[in-house]
Every structure is written in structure tokens, then in C-alpha cells.
Amino acid sequence: MRSLALPAYAQLSDADEAALTDLYRRGTPTNTLRAWERDLAYIAAWKMASFGRPLAWPEDEKVALRFILDHAQDLREKPGPAQDVAMELIAIGLRRELSCPSPATLDRRIASWQAFHRMRNLPSPFASPLLQQARQKARRANARPRVPKSPKPVTRDILEALLVTCDDSHRGIRDRAMLMLAFASGGRRRSEVTALTVEDIDRDDFQAKGLLWIRLLETKTTKKDQAPRLPMKGRAARALVHWLEVTKITEGPLFRPISLSDRPLPRRLASDALRTILRHRLVLSGLPADFATPHGLRAGFLTQAALDGAPLAAAMKLSLHRSAVQAQKYYADVEISENPVTDLLGE
């Protein structure tokens, strides 16, 4: 059955579409926008290589189905059009290899494609039962064991080993404060740590209670109008206040590069700086540089909470996980013999 075209008065004008797109951009985290743009570049190049045509809005369901099928098989030993297209994408740097992308990668690219349809107030080509079934079968056929984002969690004992390497230089004081904040405030993502400003740190309760409040203007799961305030106290709070007092930083970026002469520079750290700092401290502590990634601090916070017997709901209030299923994975990874509930009757 053919669908009727909407009358002109029921369609969005060019100005309305532009306003809708602008609203999506202003209401979407920067990292998500970057991921959307990378995925859109990949999808557009794939369609041009596959069909010789640019993307259509809305896209045809046959094109969407072909995208799923081409990305649900290992192309290393399957000569044909799909392999030719993959080789072209590899040649221009948009694809790494001919092996089948992970289901998560395929899901993310489809989600980005759908997001751009929503921006234009258009129906998604992936909404039909046939395409939903194809996605489900592709996901099952190519399911892989879960690979953690960090090889190891940075639990309390590992963090303590890293902190020992931080001396009383400006670099050491900064690294100590960064690592402790990233762990103690709920396992913050590296982009959240480097985005903090001095104005995001509320010290009103520090003198009386040793308590700081950290405002996160934008996270992966919250928007600017939902900016959470997270508590941080004890050694972590003192380490951060010490950094501010020693450097006399009163406004602007909270964590900054340190010059060769050991002076804080006025600019913000790069978004990936925590990765470099963590690798450096791991090596100084005698561990391999690839022992953990910055996500290990987030995983370590939840893992340590599980080891200490903290309720999952309490840990999630700080980690800001929206999905209990996702957060529960860290609790499930704790060795069952180390679970505090195995010792309810004591020795």
C-alpha cells in the first residue's frame, strides 16, 4: 500500500528543519556529536562506493538492509562487491580491516544514522520488522565475549601505588589530585575530568566538613540543565584543595599542563591527558604502561564498591550509571570468594 504524501502545510519548512537540527546539536554532548559525524562520513562513503549515489533522506530500506548484510559477515575470504567496497573504505582510512565489525560498532553506526533521520523529523529506514529481525540475527551471529574497556580495574590498592609516585612538584600535586578526583567522585570519565573548571568546585563546606561539591556541567548521561553535584571528601578533597592553594588558580580550567620549569600553564589539558598521566604513573609504580586505561578508574570505583560491600544503588548515585544492568557487570566481576556477604558470620 502506497503512503500518501503529506500536504505542504503539514511538512517542515527549511527554516524549521534548520532550527530542529540546531536544537539537536545544542542539546547533544560534544563527544556524541563527534561520533555521529564520524559515523555519517563512514555511511556516506559506504553508500557512494556501494551504489554510486549520495545518502537519501529518508534512506531506502533496501539500502539499510544491504548495510546490515555487508557488515554482518567476515569479508576476508569472500570476494565480491561487499569486499570491494570494504577495500575502498580501508584505502581512504574509514575502515581498518576486512573482518566483521563487532555488533556494538554496527549498532552504533545504525544509531547515528537514525539520529540524523530524527534531526530531519524523518522516519527511520531501520524501523521495519524485516530490518529489526536482520539486526537481531546479525547481532547473534557475530556475538563476541565482552571485552573490558580497561584491561584491569584501578582498585584502591593500585591507586595507592600510583599516588606514591606523585611527589611535591606541581606535576605531582596535579596528578595526585586528578587521579583521586577521577576515582573518588564516582569514577569519572577522562573528558569529564579535563572539562572541569575552578568554578565547578564548591568549597563552602570544606572548612567545616572537609567536603567538596563537584558540578559536572555535561556528561555522557546528563545534559547541562541536569548538571549533577557530586560530593567528594577525605583525602581526595584535601588533595584537590592543596592543588588549588599551591597553584593559586582561582578561575578557568581546573587541571592544566605543567611547563618544563614546573609551572602551571593557563590553558586546559587535552581531553586525552588523563590517559598519558595514568600510563606515566603506572610505569613509575612498576606496572606495565598498558595495565589499565582511564576507564580503569571508573571500573575500579565500582569494583572497589563491590569489594567493600557497598549497595549497587549507592555506587550508581556517584558513578551516574543509568543502567543497573551495566553497573552490575562490575559487581559480577568481583571474585565470589571476595564478596563481603560470604563472611556474614565472621571468623
Protein backbone atom coordinates (compact mmCIF):
# COMPACT_ATOMS: atom_id res chain seq x y z
CA MET A 1 0.00 0.00 0.00
CA ARG A 2 1.41 3.37 -1.07
CA SER A 3 1.72 6.01 1.60
CA LEU A 4 0.14 9.38 0.84
CA ALA A 5 2.42 12.40 0.53
CA LEU A 6 1.86 14.94 3.27
CA PRO A 7 0.31 18.24 2.15
CA ALA A 8 2.63 21.23 2.11
CA TYR A 9 1.12 22.75 5.25
CA ALA A 10 1.96 19.58 7.22
CA GLN A 11 5.61 19.50 6.18
CA LEU A 12 8.53 21.20 7.93
CA SER A 13 9.88 24.27 6.21
CA ASP A 14 13.62 24.64 5.53
CA ALA A 15 13.79 27.06 8.46
CA ASP A 16 12.03 24.57 10.73
CA GLU A 17 14.41 21.78 9.70
CA ALA A 18 17.41 24.04 10.31
CA ALA A 19 16.05 25.00 13.75
CA LEU A 20 15.43 21.34 14.60
CA THR A 21 18.97 20.39 13.58
CA ASP A 22 20.39 23.27 15.62
CA LEU A 23 18.33 22.16 18.63
CA TYR A 24 19.73 18.63 18.39
CA ARG A 25 23.28 19.96 18.15
CA ARG A 26 22.93 22.27 21.15
CA GLY A 27 21.24 19.55 23.20
CA THR A 28 23.72 16.77 22.43
CA PRO A 29 27.08 16.20 24.20
CA THR A 30 30.13 17.14 22.13
CA ASN A 31 31.57 13.62 22.18
CA THR A 32 28.28 12.20 20.86
CA LEU A 33 28.23 14.77 18.05
CA ARG A 34 31.76 13.81 17.06
CA ALA A 35 30.79 10.13 16.99
CA TRP A 36 27.74 10.93 14.86
CA GLU A 37 29.83 12.88 12.39
CA ARG A 38 32.44 10.11 12.06
CA ASP A 39 29.71 7.54 11.53
CA LEU A 40 27.93 9.72 8.98
CA ALA A 41 31.16 10.10 7.00
CA TYR A 42 31.57 6.32 7.00
CA ILE A 43 27.97 5.65 5.98
CA ALA A 44 28.05 8.26 3.20
CA ALA A 45 31.30 6.82 1.80
CA TRP A 46 29.90 3.28 2.03
CA LYS A 47 26.77 4.18 0.08
CA MET A 48 28.69 6.04 -2.61
CA ALA A 49 31.04 3.08 -3.02
CA SER A 50 28.16 0.57 -2.99
CA PHE A 51 25.52 2.37 -5.06
CA GLY A 52 27.29 5.32 -6.68
CA ARG A 53 24.80 7.68 -5.04
CA PRO A 54 24.86 10.01 -2.02
CA LEU A 55 22.70 9.41 1.05
CA ALA A 56 18.97 9.98 0.68
CA TRP A 57 16.68 11.42 3.35
CA PRO A 58 14.83 9.33 4.26
CA GLU A 59 17.00 6.44 3.17
CA ASP A 60 15.56 3.48 1.27
CA GLU A 61 15.01 0.31 3.31
CA LYS A 62 16.87 -1.75 0.69
CA VAL A 63 19.98 0.38 1.25
CA ALA A 64 19.65 -0.04 5.04
CA LEU A 65 19.27 -3.82 4.67
CA ARG A 66 22.33 -4.01 2.42
CA PHE A 67 24.30 -2.06 5.03
CA ILE A 68 23.39 -4.61 7.71
CA LEU A 69 24.21 -7.59 5.49
CA ASP A 70 27.55 -6.15 4.34
CA HIS A 71 28.58 -5.54 7.96
CA ALA A 72 27.41 -8.88 9.34
CA GLN A 73 29.99 -11.07 7.59
CA ASP A 74 33.73 -11.63 7.54
CA LEU A 75 34.92 -10.38 4.14
CA ARG A 76 38.49 -11.67 4.31
CA GLU A 77 37.71 -14.75 2.22
CA LYS A 78 34.56 -13.57 0.44
CA PRO A 79 35.44 -11.84 -2.84
CA GLY A 80 32.61 -9.80 -4.23
CA PRO A 81 31.01 -6.36 -4.19
CA ALA A 82 30.94 -6.12 -0.39
CA GLN A 83 34.66 -6.88 -0.16
CA ASP A 84 35.43 -4.35 -2.92
CA VAL A 85 33.56 -1.65 -1.03
CA ALA A 86 35.33 -2.55 2.22
CA MET A 87 38.71 -2.34 0.47
CA GLU A 88 37.82 1.12 -0.81
CA LEU A 89 36.87 2.26 2.68
CA ILE A 90 40.13 0.86 4.05
CA ALA A 91 42.08 2.73 1.36
CA ILE A 92 40.60 6.08 2.42
CA GLY A 93 41.08 5.36 6.13
CA LEU A 94 37.44 4.86 7.15
CA ARG A 95 37.71 1.13 7.83
CA ARG A 96 40.53 -0.82 9.47
CA GLU A 97 40.17 -4.36 8.16
CA LEU A 98 38.02 -6.84 6.25
CA SER A 99 36.98 -8.83 9.30
CA CYS A 100 33.41 -8.46 10.53
CA PRO A 101 32.86 -5.35 12.69
CA SER A 102 31.65 -6.02 16.20
CA PRO A 103 27.87 -5.92 16.80
CA ALA A 104 28.43 -2.87 19.01
CA THR A 105 30.12 -0.99 16.15
CA LEU A 106 27.30 -1.86 13.75
CA ASP A 107 24.68 -0.84 16.33
CA ARG A 108 26.44 2.49 16.94
CA ARG A 109 26.59 3.37 13.25
CA ILE A 110 22.94 2.49 12.77
CA ALA A 111 22.05 4.56 15.84
CA SER A 112 23.93 7.53 14.34
CA TRP A 113 22.11 7.07 11.04
CA GLN A 114 18.80 7.02 12.88
CA ALA A 115 19.75 10.14 14.85
CA PHE A 116 20.27 12.09 11.62
CA HIS A 117 16.84 10.96 10.45
CA ARG A 118 15.33 12.20 13.71
CA MET A 119 17.08 15.55 13.26
CA ARG A 120 15.18 15.94 10.00
CA ASN A 121 11.93 14.63 11.50
CA LEU A 122 12.03 11.69 9.07
CA PRO A 123 11.10 8.01 9.58
CA SER A 124 13.99 5.63 10.12
CA PRO A 125 14.63 3.01 7.43
CA PHE A 126 15.52 0.56 10.21
CA ALA A 127 12.05 0.59 11.79
CA SER A 128 10.52 -2.17 9.68
CA PRO A 129 10.15 -5.67 11.18
CA LEU A 130 12.36 -7.13 8.44
CA LEU A 131 15.29 -4.85 9.26
CA GLN A 132 14.84 -5.26 13.01
CA GLN A 133 14.96 -9.03 12.57
CA ALA A 134 18.05 -8.74 10.34
CA ARG A 135 19.80 -6.66 13.00
CA GLN A 136 18.90 -9.17 15.71
CA LYS A 137 20.21 -12.10 13.66
CA ALA A 138 23.42 -10.21 12.79
CA ARG A 139 23.96 -9.41 16.45
CA ARG A 140 23.55 -13.04 17.48
CA ALA A 141 25.66 -14.40 14.61
CA ASN A 142 28.59 -12.16 15.47
CA ALA A 143 28.30 -12.06 19.26
CA ARG A 144 31.66 -11.81 20.99
CA PRO A 145 32.81 -12.18 24.56
CA ARG A 146 32.64 -8.91 26.46
CA VAL A 147 35.98 -7.11 26.34
CA PRO A 148 36.50 -4.61 29.17
CA LYS A 149 37.40 -1.04 28.21
CA SER A 150 40.35 -1.30 30.58
CA PRO A 151 42.49 -4.46 30.93
CA LYS A 152 42.38 -4.11 34.71
CA PRO A 153 40.32 -2.02 37.12
CA VAL A 154 42.24 0.55 39.14
CA THR A 155 41.10 -0.55 42.58
CA ARG A 156 42.18 1.09 45.84
CA ASP A 157 45.45 -0.83 46.16
CA ILE A 158 46.50 0.02 42.59
CA LEU A 159 45.54 3.66 43.07
CA GLU A 160 47.61 3.85 46.26
CA ALA A 161 50.63 2.54 44.32
CA LEU A 162 50.12 5.29 41.72
CA LEU A 163 49.78 8.01 44.36
CA VAL A 164 53.11 7.02 45.94
CA THR A 165 54.82 8.11 42.71
CA CYS A 166 53.34 11.64 42.95
CA ASP A 167 55.92 13.95 44.55
CA ASP A 168 55.50 17.53 45.79
CA SER A 169 56.22 19.17 42.44
CA HIS A 170 53.35 20.94 40.69
CA ARG A 171 53.14 17.99 38.31
CA GLY A 172 52.99 15.51 41.18
CA ILE A 173 50.39 17.54 43.09
CA ARG A 174 48.26 17.87 39.94
CA ASP A 175 48.46 14.17 39.09
CA ARG A 176 47.60 13.18 42.65
CA ALA A 177 44.54 15.45 42.66
CA MET A 178 43.41 14.29 39.20
CA LEU A 179 43.69 10.59 39.94
CA MET A 180 41.98 10.88 43.31
CA LEU A 181 39.16 13.02 41.93
CA ALA A 182 38.60 10.67 38.98
CA PHE A 183 38.29 7.71 41.37
CA ALA A 184 36.63 9.18 44.45
CA SER A 185 33.92 11.22 42.72
CA GLY A 186 32.39 8.09 41.21
CA GLY A 187 34.83 7.00 38.55
CA ARG A 188 34.75 9.99 36.24
CA ARG A 189 35.39 9.71 32.51
CA ARG A 190 38.58 11.37 31.28
CA SER A 191 36.68 14.02 29.29
CA GLU A 192 34.68 14.93 32.42
CA VAL A 193 37.86 15.41 34.46
CA THR A 194 39.64 17.62 31.92
CA ALA A 195 36.47 19.68 31.29
CA LEU A 196 36.22 20.80 34.94
CA THR A 197 36.79 24.44 35.85
CA VAL A 198 37.59 26.01 39.21
CA GLU A 199 34.05 27.40 39.20
CA ASP A 200 32.73 23.82 39.20
CA ILE A 201 34.27 23.17 42.64
CA ASP A 202 32.15 24.34 45.60
CA ARG A 203 34.31 24.69 48.73
CA ASP A 204 31.67 26.17 51.04
CA ASP A 205 31.53 23.00 53.19
CA PHE A 206 35.23 22.23 53.13
CA GLN A 207 36.35 24.02 56.28
CA ALA A 208 33.51 22.70 58.44
CA LYS A 209 33.03 19.22 56.97
CA GLY A 210 36.03 18.53 54.74
CA LEU A 211 33.53 18.22 51.90
CA LEU A 212 33.68 19.47 48.31
CA TRP A 213 30.84 19.55 45.79
CA ILE A 214 31.73 18.95 42.15
CA ARG A 215 29.43 20.18 39.42
CA LEU A 216 29.54 18.25 36.14
CA LEU A 217 28.11 20.54 33.51
CA GLU A 218 27.83 17.81 30.90
CA THR A 219 28.33 14.07 30.99
CA LYS A 220 27.55 11.12 28.75
CA THR A 221 24.27 10.58 30.56
CA THR A 222 23.25 14.09 31.66
CA LYS A 223 22.75 17.47 29.99
CA LYS A 224 23.66 20.98 31.11
CA ASP A 225 20.21 21.57 32.60
CA GLN A 226 20.63 18.40 34.67
CA ALA A 227 24.18 19.15 35.91
CA PRO A 228 24.69 16.86 38.91
CA ARG A 229 26.54 17.93 42.06
CA LEU A 230 28.70 15.13 43.41
CA PRO A 231 30.29 15.05 46.87
CA MET A 232 33.99 14.38 47.42
CA LYS A 233 35.59 14.26 50.84
CA GLY A 234 38.55 12.98 52.83
CA ARG A 235 41.98 12.65 51.22
CA ALA A 236 40.64 13.26 47.74
CA ALA A 237 39.08 16.59 48.75
CA ARG A 238 42.25 17.66 50.56
CA ALA A 239 44.39 16.75 47.54
CA LEU A 240 42.27 18.91 45.24
CA VAL A 241 42.23 21.89 47.62
CA HIS A 242 46.00 21.54 48.02
CA TRP A 243 46.40 21.78 44.23
CA LEU A 244 44.34 24.97 44.14
CA GLU A 245 46.14 26.54 47.09
CA VAL A 246 49.65 25.74 45.85
CA THR A 247 48.99 26.97 42.31
CA LYS A 248 46.77 29.90 43.38
CA ILE A 249 44.41 29.11 40.49
CA THR A 250 41.15 30.97 41.11
CA GLU A 251 39.29 30.65 37.81
CA GLY A 252 39.31 28.87 34.49
CA PRO A 253 40.45 25.30 33.77
CA LEU A 254 40.91 23.23 36.93
CA PHE A 255 43.68 20.96 35.65
CA ARG A 256 46.37 22.42 33.39
CA PRO A 257 49.58 21.45 31.61
CA ILE A 258 52.80 21.90 33.58
CA SER A 259 55.76 23.61 31.94
CA LEU A 260 59.32 22.24 31.95
CA SER A 261 60.05 24.72 34.73
CA ASP A 262 57.22 23.15 36.77
CA ARG A 263 54.72 25.97 36.41
CA PRO A 264 51.00 25.54 35.58
CA LEU A 265 50.12 26.97 32.17
CA PRO A 266 46.92 28.97 31.63
CA ARG A 267 45.34 26.60 29.11
CA ARG A 268 43.23 23.47 29.61
CA LEU A 269 44.67 19.95 29.45
CA ALA A 270 43.94 17.96 26.30
CA SER A 271 40.90 15.70 26.61
CA ASP A 272 43.17 12.62 26.47
CA ALA A 273 45.66 13.90 29.05
CA LEU A 274 44.44 11.55 31.78
CA ARG A 275 45.48 8.59 29.63
CA THR A 276 49.03 9.94 29.34
CA ILE A 277 49.22 10.73 33.06
CA LEU A 278 47.91 7.30 34.04
CA ARG A 279 50.40 5.49 31.79
CA HIS A 280 53.25 7.57 33.24
CA ARG A 281 52.25 6.79 36.82
CA LEU A 282 51.78 3.09 36.06
CA VAL A 283 55.33 2.85 34.74
CA LEU A 284 56.72 4.76 37.75
CA SER A 285 54.91 2.36 40.08
CA GLY A 286 56.48 -0.66 38.37
CA LEU A 287 53.41 -1.75 36.44
CA PRO A 288 53.15 -2.10 32.63
CA ALA A 289 52.02 1.06 30.83
CA ASP A 290 49.07 -0.86 29.38
CA PHE A 291 47.98 -2.31 32.72
CA ALA A 292 44.92 -0.05 32.72
CA THR A 293 43.27 2.76 30.76
CA PRO A 294 41.47 5.79 32.22
CA HIS A 295 38.27 3.73 32.19
CA GLY A 296 40.03 1.55 34.75
CA LEU A 297 39.45 4.32 37.30
CA ARG A 298 35.72 4.12 36.62
CA ALA A 299 35.75 0.33 36.68
CA GLY A 300 37.94 0.43 39.79
CA PHE A 301 35.50 2.64 41.68
CA LEU A 302 32.61 0.23 41.09
CA THR A 303 34.75 -2.85 41.66
CA GLN A 304 36.02 -1.43 44.95
CA ALA A 305 32.47 -0.55 45.96
CA ALA A 306 31.53 -4.18 45.37
CA LEU A 307 34.55 -5.44 47.33
CA ASP A 308 33.63 -3.16 50.23
CA GLY A 309 30.03 -4.35 50.21
CA ALA A 310 28.53 -1.01 49.14
CA PRO A 311 24.99 -1.34 47.71
CA LEU A 312 24.88 -1.06 43.92
CA ALA A 313 22.31 1.74 44.08
CA ALA A 314 24.62 3.82 46.29
CA ALA A 315 27.56 3.37 43.92
CA MET A 316 25.39 4.30 40.93
CA LYS A 317 24.44 7.60 42.60
CA LEU A 318 28.08 8.65 42.22
CA SER A 319 29.01 6.85 39.01
CA LEU A 320 25.83 8.23 37.33
CA HIS A 321 25.17 4.97 35.54
CA ARG A 322 21.63 4.98 34.17
CA SER A 323 21.55 1.23 33.63
CA ALA A 324 21.72 -1.05 36.66
CA VAL A 325 22.48 -3.89 34.26
CA GLN A 326 25.61 -2.11 33.03
CA ALA A 327 26.81 -1.18 36.52
CA GLN A 328 26.06 -4.67 37.81
CA LYS A 329 28.67 -6.12 35.44
CA TYR A 330 31.43 -4.65 37.61
CA TYR A 331 29.88 -6.20 40.70
CA ALA A 332 29.60 -9.53 38.89
CA ASP A 333 33.31 -9.40 38.01
CA VAL A 334 34.31 -9.48 41.68
CA GLU A 335 35.67 -12.87 42.67
CA ILE A 336 32.87 -14.56 44.58
CA SER A 337 35.21 -15.59 47.41
CA GLU A 338 35.99 -11.89 47.97
CA ASN A 339 32.34 -10.91 48.22
CA PRO A 340 31.67 -9.47 51.72
CA VAL A 341 28.45 -11.49 52.09
CA THR A 342 30.49 -14.71 52.30
CA ASP A 343 31.69 -13.62 55.74
CA LEU A 344 28.41 -12.63 57.41
CA LEU A 345 29.10 -14.87 60.44
CA GLY A 346 32.68 -13.72 60.81
CA GLU A 347 35.69 -15.94 61.52
